[in-house]
Amino acid sequence: MALYIFSDAHLGSSDVEKEELKTSKMRTLFELVKKDGDRLIILGDLFDFWFEYKHAIPKEHHQVLFMLSDLVNRGIAIDYICGNHDFWMGDFFESQIGLKIHKDFFDLIYQNKKLHLIHGDGLAPADRGYRFLKRVLRNRFNIWLYQKLPPDWAIPLAKTVSGSSREYTGKRDHSFAPDYEAYAQRMLNNGFDIVVIGHLHLPVYTELEKGVYINTGDFINHFSYAKLSDGEINLLYL
């Protein structure tokens, strides 16, 4: 059996043609998971924006939601680690689809390998401004306030802000790549065998002193993902 990991599709961020390509590539990945996988990890930012109300969710992306539900119904465990574009999740994915949500990071032992998995936003020491913003955006009171806005106002507003945030971080995050490798090395020194991070949209496979660091890249341009099988992890592309 195999563990599959991917991240950063940012569904809803592109034109119609690109969105269809992303969905098609995701369908191909999920077919691979069906063949030999027993676990799938989504390492954040599957959506460019996700926000739940008590009785409403965004109407887009139903094809992907159905595909995820199909995997769960086939007995495949799915873990979803929230990213910086989809951290405002309620209970929809757990209660209605059967995914397990992890708000910050996820540690897992799979095939005798100890994995540390994290989306990675705010990891760089120099990214102080974003870490402050992250605390503001994830504050429970602020989330409660935002839920008071009507969905037809709140969702378009959030999409606009999300697009601006993606453009801003996209210009800057590649310069933080050495910080991400340093973080991975620290976690490997703490006893992990494999560290997997997303967020950078930059596929990375690096064998470090005590293990392997992988960045899953993105499902926008690279269509890269990680696969762990027979005790070995690889970075692959569709």
C-alpha atoms as a PDB file:
ATOM      1  CA  MET A   1       0.000   0.000   0.000  1.00  0.00           C
ATOM      2  CA  ALA A   2       1.025   3.628  -0.423  1.00  0.00           C
ATOM      3  CA  LEU A   3       0.641   7.077   1.095  1.00  0.00           C
ATOM      4  CA  TYR A   4       0.063  10.000  -1.295  1.00  0.00           C
ATOM      5  CA  ILE A   5       0.642  13.670  -0.416  1.00  0.00           C
ATOM      6  CA  PHE A   6      -0.108  16.807  -2.444  1.00  0.00           C
ATOM      7  CA  SER A   7      -0.837  20.486  -1.822  1.00  0.00           C
ATOM      8  CA  ASP A   8      -1.533  23.941  -3.187  1.00  0.00           C
ATOM      9  CA  ALA A   9      -4.108  23.487  -5.926  1.00  0.00           C
ATOM     10  CA  HIS A  10      -5.722  26.820  -5.023  1.00  0.00           C
ATOM     11  CA  LEU A  11      -8.961  25.782  -6.673  1.00  0.00           C
ATOM     12  CA  GLY A  12     -10.923  28.837  -7.724  1.00  0.00           C
ATOM     13  CA  SER A  13      -7.894  31.031  -8.392  1.00  0.00           C
ATOM     14  CA  SER A  14      -7.599  30.579 -12.173  1.00  0.00           C
ATOM     15  CA  ASP A  15      -9.562  30.948 -15.388  1.00  0.00           C
ATOM     16  CA  VAL A  16     -11.977  28.241 -16.503  1.00  0.00           C
ATOM     17  CA  GLU A  17      -9.451  26.396 -18.673  1.00  0.00           C
ATOM     18  CA  LYS A  18      -6.862  26.227 -15.896  1.00  0.00           C
ATOM     19  CA  GLU A  19      -9.444  25.134 -13.344  1.00  0.00           C
ATOM     20  CA  GLU A  20     -10.520  22.299 -15.637  1.00  0.00           C
ATOM     21  CA  LEU A  21      -6.879  21.243 -15.999  1.00  0.00           C
ATOM     22  CA  LYS A  22      -6.338  21.237 -12.230  1.00  0.00           C
ATOM     23  CA  THR A  23      -9.484  19.184 -11.680  1.00  0.00           C
ATOM     24  CA  SER A  24      -8.459  16.743 -14.424  1.00  0.00           C
ATOM     25  CA  LYS A  25      -4.990  16.305 -12.928  1.00  0.00           C
ATOM     26  CA  MET A  26      -6.522  15.770  -9.507  1.00  0.00           C
ATOM     27  CA  ARG A  27      -8.815  13.120 -10.935  1.00  0.00           C
ATOM     28  CA  THR A  28      -5.745  11.363 -12.383  1.00  0.00           C
ATOM     29  CA  LEU A  29      -3.989  11.507  -9.009  1.00  0.00           C
ATOM     30  CA  PHE A  30      -7.028  10.090  -7.239  1.00  0.00           C
ATOM     31  CA  GLU A  31      -7.177   7.217  -9.726  1.00  0.00           C
ATOM     32  CA  LEU A  32      -3.583   6.395  -8.764  1.00  0.00           C
ATOM     33  CA  VAL A  33      -4.569   6.495  -5.110  1.00  0.00           C
ATOM     34  CA  LYS A  34      -7.393   4.042  -5.797  1.00  0.00           C
ATOM     35  CA  LYS A  35      -4.962   1.560  -7.374  1.00  0.00           C
ATOM     36  CA  ASP A  36      -2.462   1.154  -4.555  1.00  0.00           C
ATOM     37  CA  GLY A  37      -3.090   3.804  -1.903  1.00  0.00           C
ATOM     38  CA  ASP A  38      -4.643   3.458   1.510  1.00  0.00           C
ATOM     39  CA  ARG A  39      -4.015   7.010   2.709  1.00  0.00           C
ATOM     40  CA  LEU A  40      -4.057  10.501   1.181  1.00  0.00           C
ATOM     41  CA  ILE A  41      -2.801  13.695   2.811  1.00  0.00           C
ATOM     42  CA  ILE A  42      -3.826  17.107   1.510  1.00  0.00           C
ATOM     43  CA  LEU A  43      -1.121  19.483   2.705  1.00  0.00           C
ATOM     44  CA  GLY A  44      -3.139  22.688   2.599  1.00  0.00           C
ATOM     45  CA  ASP A  45      -4.483  25.250   0.135  1.00  0.00           C
ATOM     46  CA  LEU A  46      -6.589  22.816  -1.837  1.00  0.00           C
ATOM     47  CA  PHE A  47      -8.866  25.828  -2.257  1.00  0.00           C
ATOM     48  CA  ASP A  48      -7.864  29.426  -2.844  1.00  0.00           C
ATOM     49  CA  PHE A  49     -10.597  30.298  -0.374  1.00  0.00           C
ATOM     50  CA  TRP A  50     -12.803  28.212   1.892  1.00  0.00           C
ATOM     51  CA  PHE A  51     -15.221  29.488   4.515  1.00  0.00           C
ATOM     52  CA  GLU A  52     -18.129  27.708   6.123  1.00  0.00           C
ATOM     53  CA  TYR A  53     -21.345  29.086   7.528  1.00  0.00           C
ATOM     54  CA  LYS A  54     -23.639  27.062   9.756  1.00  0.00           C
ATOM     55  CA  HIS A  55     -25.900  26.225   6.798  1.00  0.00           C
ATOM     56  CA  ALA A  56     -23.810  27.151   3.747  1.00  0.00           C
ATOM     57  CA  ILE A  57     -20.522  26.407   1.991  1.00  0.00           C
ATOM     58  CA  PRO A  58     -19.046  27.826  -1.252  1.00  0.00           C
ATOM     59  CA  LYS A  59     -20.942  26.382  -4.227  1.00  0.00           C
ATOM     60  CA  GLU A  60     -17.872  25.778  -6.423  1.00  0.00           C
ATOM     61  CA  HIS A  61     -15.646  22.704  -6.438  1.00  0.00           C
ATOM     62  CA  HIS A  62     -18.376  20.084  -6.096  1.00  0.00           C
ATOM     63  CA  GLN A  63     -16.568  17.769  -8.526  1.00  0.00           C
ATOM     64  CA  VAL A  64     -13.583  17.648  -6.184  1.00  0.00           C
ATOM     65  CA  LEU A  65     -15.803  17.179  -3.129  1.00  0.00           C
ATOM     66  CA  PHE A  66     -17.494  14.213  -4.826  1.00  0.00           C
ATOM     67  CA  MET A  67     -14.093  12.744  -5.736  1.00  0.00           C
ATOM     68  CA  LEU A  68     -12.919  13.031  -2.139  1.00  0.00           C
ATOM     69  CA  SER A  69     -16.130  11.419  -0.911  1.00  0.00           C
ATOM     70  CA  ASP A  70     -15.613   8.544  -3.351  1.00  0.00           C
ATOM     71  CA  LEU A  71     -12.125   7.901  -1.958  1.00  0.00           C
ATOM     72  CA  VAL A  72     -13.435   7.829   1.609  1.00  0.00           C
ATOM     73  CA  ASN A  73     -16.238   5.457   0.600  1.00  0.00           C
ATOM     74  CA  ARG A  74     -13.583   3.126  -0.813  1.00  0.00           C
ATOM     75  CA  GLY A  75     -11.915   2.951   2.601  1.00  0.00           C
ATOM     76  CA  ILE A  76      -9.043   5.369   1.915  1.00  0.00           C
ATOM     77  CA  ALA A  77      -8.140   7.546   4.907  1.00  0.00           C
ATOM     78  CA  ILE A  78      -7.785  11.243   4.068  1.00  0.00           C
ATOM     79  CA  ASP A  79      -6.081  13.819   6.278  1.00  0.00           C
ATOM     80  CA  TYR A  80      -6.400  17.525   5.505  1.00  0.00           C
ATOM     81  CA  ILE A  81      -3.823  19.897   7.003  1.00  0.00           C
ATOM     82  CA  CYS A  82      -5.108  23.456   6.758  1.00  0.00           C
ATOM     83  CA  GLY A  83      -3.119  26.006   4.791  1.00  0.00           C
ATOM     84  CA  ASN A  84      -3.192  29.787   4.802  1.00  0.00           C
ATOM     85  CA  HIS A  85      -6.043  29.948   2.257  1.00  0.00           C
ATOM     86  CA  ASP A  86      -8.346  27.306   3.762  1.00  0.00           C
ATOM     87  CA  PHE A  87      -7.906  27.471   7.519  1.00  0.00           C
ATOM     88  CA  TRP A  88     -11.461  28.766   8.159  1.00  0.00           C
ATOM     89  CA  MET A  89     -12.886  25.283   8.102  1.00  0.00           C
ATOM     90  CA  GLY A  90     -15.823  24.171  10.176  1.00  0.00           C
ATOM     91  CA  ASP A  91     -17.050  20.599  10.497  1.00  0.00           C
ATOM     92  CA  PHE A  92     -18.234  20.030   6.916  1.00  0.00           C
ATOM     93  CA  PHE A  93     -15.310  17.912   5.739  1.00  0.00           C
ATOM     94  CA  GLU A  94     -15.279  15.734   8.832  1.00  0.00           C
ATOM     95  CA  SER A  95     -19.016  15.317   9.333  1.00  0.00           C
ATOM     96  CA  GLN A  96     -20.186  15.158   5.703  1.00  0.00           C
ATOM     97  CA  ILE A  97     -17.255  13.616   3.813  1.00  0.00           C
ATOM     98  CA  GLY A  98     -15.203  11.825   6.445  1.00  0.00           C
ATOM     99  CA  LEU A  99     -11.866  13.625   6.220  1.00  0.00           C
ATOM    100  CA  LYS A 100      -9.739  14.266   9.297  1.00  0.00           C
ATOM    101  CA  ILE A 101      -8.837  17.948   9.698  1.00  0.00           C
ATOM    102  CA  HIS A 102      -5.556  19.110  11.263  1.00  0.00           C
ATOM    103  CA  LYS A 103      -5.344  22.843  11.920  1.00  0.00           C
ATOM    104  CA  ASP A 104      -1.562  23.237  12.214  1.00  0.00           C
ATOM    105  CA  PHE A 105       0.557  20.140  11.575  1.00  0.00           C
ATOM    106  CA  PHE A 106       0.284  16.371  11.547  1.00  0.00           C
ATOM    107  CA  ASP A 107       2.760  13.762  12.767  1.00  0.00           C
ATOM    108  CA  LEU A 108       2.336  10.235  11.464  1.00  0.00           C
ATOM    109  CA  ILE A 109       4.106   6.882  11.521  1.00  0.00           C
ATOM    110  CA  TYR A 110       3.606   5.078   8.218  1.00  0.00           C
ATOM    111  CA  GLN A 111       5.511   1.965   7.107  1.00  0.00           C
ATOM    112  CA  ASN A 112       7.862   2.449  10.079  1.00  0.00           C
ATOM    113  CA  LYS A 113       8.758   5.962   8.924  1.00  0.00           C
ATOM    114  CA  LYS A 114       8.095   8.898  11.236  1.00  0.00           C
ATOM    115  CA  LEU A 115       6.692  11.833   9.247  1.00  0.00           C
ATOM    116  CA  HIS A 116       6.205  15.479  10.162  1.00  0.00           C
ATOM    117  CA  LEU A 117       3.768  17.232   7.816  1.00  0.00           C
ATOM    118  CA  ILE A 118       2.968  20.952   7.820  1.00  0.00           C
ATOM    119  CA  HIS A 119       1.665  23.427   5.237  1.00  0.00           C
ATOM    120  CA  GLY A 120       4.457  25.833   6.093  1.00  0.00           C
ATOM    121  CA  ASP A 121       3.037  29.354   5.998  1.00  0.00           C
ATOM    122  CA  GLY A 122       4.948  31.598   8.402  1.00  0.00           C
ATOM    123  CA  LEU A 123       7.858  29.205   8.971  1.00  0.00           C
ATOM    124  CA  ALA A 124      10.554  31.643   7.860  1.00  0.00           C
ATOM    125  CA  PRO A 125      11.943  33.699  10.790  1.00  0.00           C
ATOM    126  CA  ALA A 126      11.849  36.870   8.669  1.00  0.00           C
ATOM    127  CA  ASP A 127       8.125  36.475   7.966  1.00  0.00           C
ATOM    128  CA  ARG A 128       7.081  38.287  11.151  1.00  0.00           C
ATOM    129  CA  GLY A 129       4.333  40.347   9.536  1.00  0.00           C
ATOM    130  CA  TYR A 130       2.555  37.280   8.222  1.00  0.00           C
ATOM    131  CA  ARG A 131       2.755  35.498  11.587  1.00  0.00           C
ATOM    132  CA  PHE A 132       1.009  38.464  13.211  1.00  0.00           C
ATOM    133  CA  LEU A 133      -1.648  38.469  10.471  1.00  0.00           C
ATOM    134  CA  LYS A 134      -2.091  34.714  10.919  1.00  0.00           C
ATOM    135  CA  ARG A 135      -2.958  35.212  14.593  1.00  0.00           C
ATOM    136  CA  VAL A 136      -5.506  37.878  13.665  1.00  0.00           C
ATOM    137  CA  LEU A 137      -7.159  35.818  10.925  1.00  0.00           C
ATOM    138  CA  ARG A 138      -7.393  32.686  13.044  1.00  0.00           C
ATOM    139  CA  ASN A 139      -8.781  34.448  16.089  1.00  0.00           C
ATOM    140  CA  ARG A 140     -12.106  32.824  17.005  1.00  0.00           C
ATOM    141  CA  PHE A 141     -13.797  36.140  17.695  1.00  0.00           C
ATOM    142  CA  ASN A 142     -12.749  37.553  14.315  1.00  0.00           C
ATOM    143  CA  ILE A 143     -14.034  34.431  12.571  1.00  0.00           C
ATOM    144  CA  TRP A 144     -17.341  34.776  14.426  1.00  0.00           C
ATOM    145  CA  LEU A 145     -17.598  38.401  13.310  1.00  0.00           C
ATOM    146  CA  TYR A 146     -16.942  37.514   9.675  1.00  0.00           C
ATOM    147  CA  GLN A 147     -19.651  34.876   9.774  1.00  0.00           C
ATOM    148  CA  LYS A 148     -22.153  37.664  10.456  1.00  0.00           C
ATOM    149  CA  LEU A 149     -21.646  39.016   6.941  1.00  0.00           C
ATOM    150  CA  PRO A 150     -24.069  37.634   4.323  1.00  0.00           C
ATOM    151  CA  PRO A 151     -22.363  34.942   2.201  1.00  0.00           C
ATOM    152  CA  ASP A 152     -22.970  36.892  -1.029  1.00  0.00           C
ATOM    153  CA  TRP A 153     -20.872  39.716   0.427  1.00  0.00           C
ATOM    154  CA  ALA A 154     -18.347  37.791   2.452  1.00  0.00           C
ATOM    155  CA  ILE A 155     -17.244  35.225  -0.130  1.00  0.00           C
ATOM    156  CA  PRO A 156     -16.448  37.653  -2.997  1.00  0.00           C
ATOM    157  CA  LEU A 157     -14.621  39.924  -0.535  1.00  0.00           C
ATOM    158  CA  ALA A 158     -12.560  37.036   0.808  1.00  0.00           C
ATOM    159  CA  LYS A 159     -11.707  35.864  -2.704  1.00  0.00           C
ATOM    160  CA  THR A 160     -10.362  39.304  -3.549  1.00  0.00           C
ATOM    161  CA  VAL A 161      -8.220  39.388  -0.409  1.00  0.00           C
ATOM    162  CA  SER A 162      -7.100  35.801  -0.992  1.00  0.00           C
ATOM    163  CA  GLY A 163      -5.921  36.625  -4.513  1.00  0.00           C
ATOM    164  CA  SER A 164      -3.941  39.611  -3.266  1.00  0.00           C
ATOM    165  CA  SER A 165      -2.384  37.476  -0.539  1.00  0.00           C
ATOM    166  CA  ARG A 166      -1.380  34.769  -3.020  1.00  0.00           C
ATOM    167  CA  GLU A 167       0.256  37.315  -5.308  1.00  0.00           C
ATOM    168  CA  TYR A 168       2.143  38.876  -2.387  1.00  0.00           C
ATOM    169  CA  THR A 169       3.410  35.624  -0.919  1.00  0.00           C
ATOM    170  CA  GLY A 170       4.237  34.224  -4.366  1.00  0.00           C
ATOM    171  CA  LYS A 171       6.703  37.041  -4.946  1.00  0.00           C
ATOM    172  CA  ARG A 172       8.445  36.461  -1.644  1.00  0.00           C
ATOM    173  CA  ASP A 173       8.237  32.864  -0.494  1.00  0.00           C
ATOM    174  CA  HIS A 174      10.873  31.362  -2.816  1.00  0.00           C
ATOM    175  CA  SER A 175      13.456  33.510  -1.040  1.00  0.00           C
ATOM    176  CA  PHE A 176      12.476  31.663   2.145  1.00  0.00           C
ATOM    177  CA  ALA A 177      13.344  28.233   0.715  1.00  0.00           C
ATOM    178  CA  PRO A 178      16.594  27.915   2.750  1.00  0.00           C
ATOM    179  CA  ASP A 179      14.589  28.589   5.945  1.00  0.00           C
ATOM    180  CA  TYR A 180      12.253  25.745   5.082  1.00  0.00           C
ATOM    181  CA  GLU A 181      15.174  23.371   4.609  1.00  0.00           C
ATOM    182  CA  ALA A 182      16.602  24.526   7.946  1.00  0.00           C
ATOM    183  CA  TYR A 183      13.232  23.845   9.605  1.00  0.00           C
ATOM    184  CA  ALA A 184      13.176  20.377   8.055  1.00  0.00           C
ATOM    185  CA  GLN A 185      16.678  19.692   9.358  1.00  0.00           C
ATOM    186  CA  ARG A 186      15.632  20.667  12.890  1.00  0.00           C
ATOM    187  CA  MET A 187      12.668  18.305  12.756  1.00  0.00           C
ATOM    188  CA  LEU A 188      14.852  15.499  11.411  1.00  0.00           C
ATOM    189  CA  ASN A 189      17.265  16.139  14.282  1.00  0.00           C
ATOM    190  CA  ASN A 190      14.282  15.713  16.612  1.00  0.00           C
ATOM    191  CA  GLY A 191      13.745  12.156  15.441  1.00  0.00           C
ATOM    192  CA  PHE A 192      11.618  12.353  12.309  1.00  0.00           C
ATOM    193  CA  ASP A 193      12.611  10.402   9.213  1.00  0.00           C
ATOM    194  CA  ILE A 194      10.723  12.510   6.669  1.00  0.00           C
ATOM    195  CA  VAL A 195       9.565  16.140   6.706  1.00  0.00           C
ATOM    196  CA  VAL A 196       6.985  17.233   4.136  1.00  0.00           C
ATOM    197  CA  ILE A 197       6.069  20.899   3.638  1.00  0.00           C
ATOM    198  CA  GLY A 198       3.954  22.764   1.084  1.00  0.00           C
ATOM    199  CA  HIS A 199       3.228  26.465   0.585  1.00  0.00           C
ATOM    200  CA  LEU A 200       6.283  27.404  -1.503  1.00  0.00           C
ATOM    201  CA  HIS A 201       4.850  26.086  -4.801  1.00  0.00           C
ATOM    202  CA  LEU A 202       8.401  24.857  -5.368  1.00  0.00           C
ATOM    203  CA  PRO A 203       8.957  21.080  -5.631  1.00  0.00           C
ATOM    204  CA  VAL A 204      11.937  19.996  -3.535  1.00  0.00           C
ATOM    205  CA  TYR A 205      13.462  16.607  -2.775  1.00  0.00           C
ATOM    206  CA  THR A 206      16.550  16.813  -0.560  1.00  0.00           C
ATOM    207  CA  GLU A 207      18.346  14.075   1.327  1.00  0.00           C
ATOM    208  CA  LEU A 208      19.654  15.678   4.498  1.00  0.00           C
ATOM    209  CA  GLU A 209      21.900  14.273   7.200  1.00  0.00           C
ATOM    210  CA  LYS A 210      19.222  12.396   9.131  1.00  0.00           C
ATOM    211  CA  GLY A 211      16.414  11.985   6.640  1.00  0.00           C
ATOM    212  CA  VAL A 212      14.505  13.421   3.708  1.00  0.00           C
ATOM    213  CA  TYR A 213      12.923  16.836   3.182  1.00  0.00           C
ATOM    214  CA  ILE A 214      10.233  17.143   0.526  1.00  0.00           C
ATOM    215  CA  ASN A 215       8.267  20.155  -0.574  1.00  0.00           C
ATOM    216  CA  THR A 216       5.214  18.985  -2.492  1.00  0.00           C
ATOM    217  CA  GLY A 217       5.275  21.950  -4.881  1.00  0.00           C
ATOM    218  CA  ASP A 218       1.854  22.772  -6.324  1.00  0.00           C
ATOM    219  CA  PHE A 219      -1.073  21.519  -8.370  1.00  0.00           C
ATOM    220  CA  ILE A 220      -1.188  24.641 -10.536  1.00  0.00           C
ATOM    221  CA  ASN A 221       1.941  24.473 -12.679  1.00  0.00           C
ATOM    222  CA  HIS A 222       4.102  21.562 -11.467  1.00  0.00           C
ATOM    223  CA  PHE A 223       1.401  18.998 -10.588  1.00  0.00           C
ATOM    224  CA  SER A 224       3.874  17.403  -8.202  1.00  0.00           C
ATOM    225  CA  TYR A 225       3.149  15.052  -5.316  1.00  0.00           C
ATOM    226  CA  ALA A 226       4.910  12.748  -2.886  1.00  0.00           C
ATOM    227  CA  LYS A 227       4.393   9.012  -2.631  1.00  0.00           C
ATOM    228  CA  LEU A 228       5.595   6.778   0.193  1.00  0.00           C
ATOM    229  CA  SER A 229       5.571   3.062  -0.568  1.00  0.00           C
ATOM    230  CA  ASP A 230       7.740   0.117   0.515  1.00  0.00           C
ATOM    231  CA  GLY A 231       9.341   2.417   3.085  1.00  0.00           C
ATOM    232  CA  GLU A 232      10.671   4.859   0.444  1.00  0.00           C
ATOM    233  CA  ILE A 233       9.360   8.325  -0.390  1.00  0.00           C
ATOM    234  CA  ASN A 234       9.632   9.933  -3.815  1.00  0.00           C
ATOM    235  CA  LEU A 235       8.652  13.222  -5.423  1.00  0.00           C
ATOM    236  CA  LEU A 236       6.658  12.572  -8.582  1.00  0.00           C
ATOM    237  CA  TYR A 237       4.912  14.582 -11.293  1.00  0.00           C
ATOM    238  CA  LEU A 238       1.759  14.171 -13.357  1.00  0.00           C
END
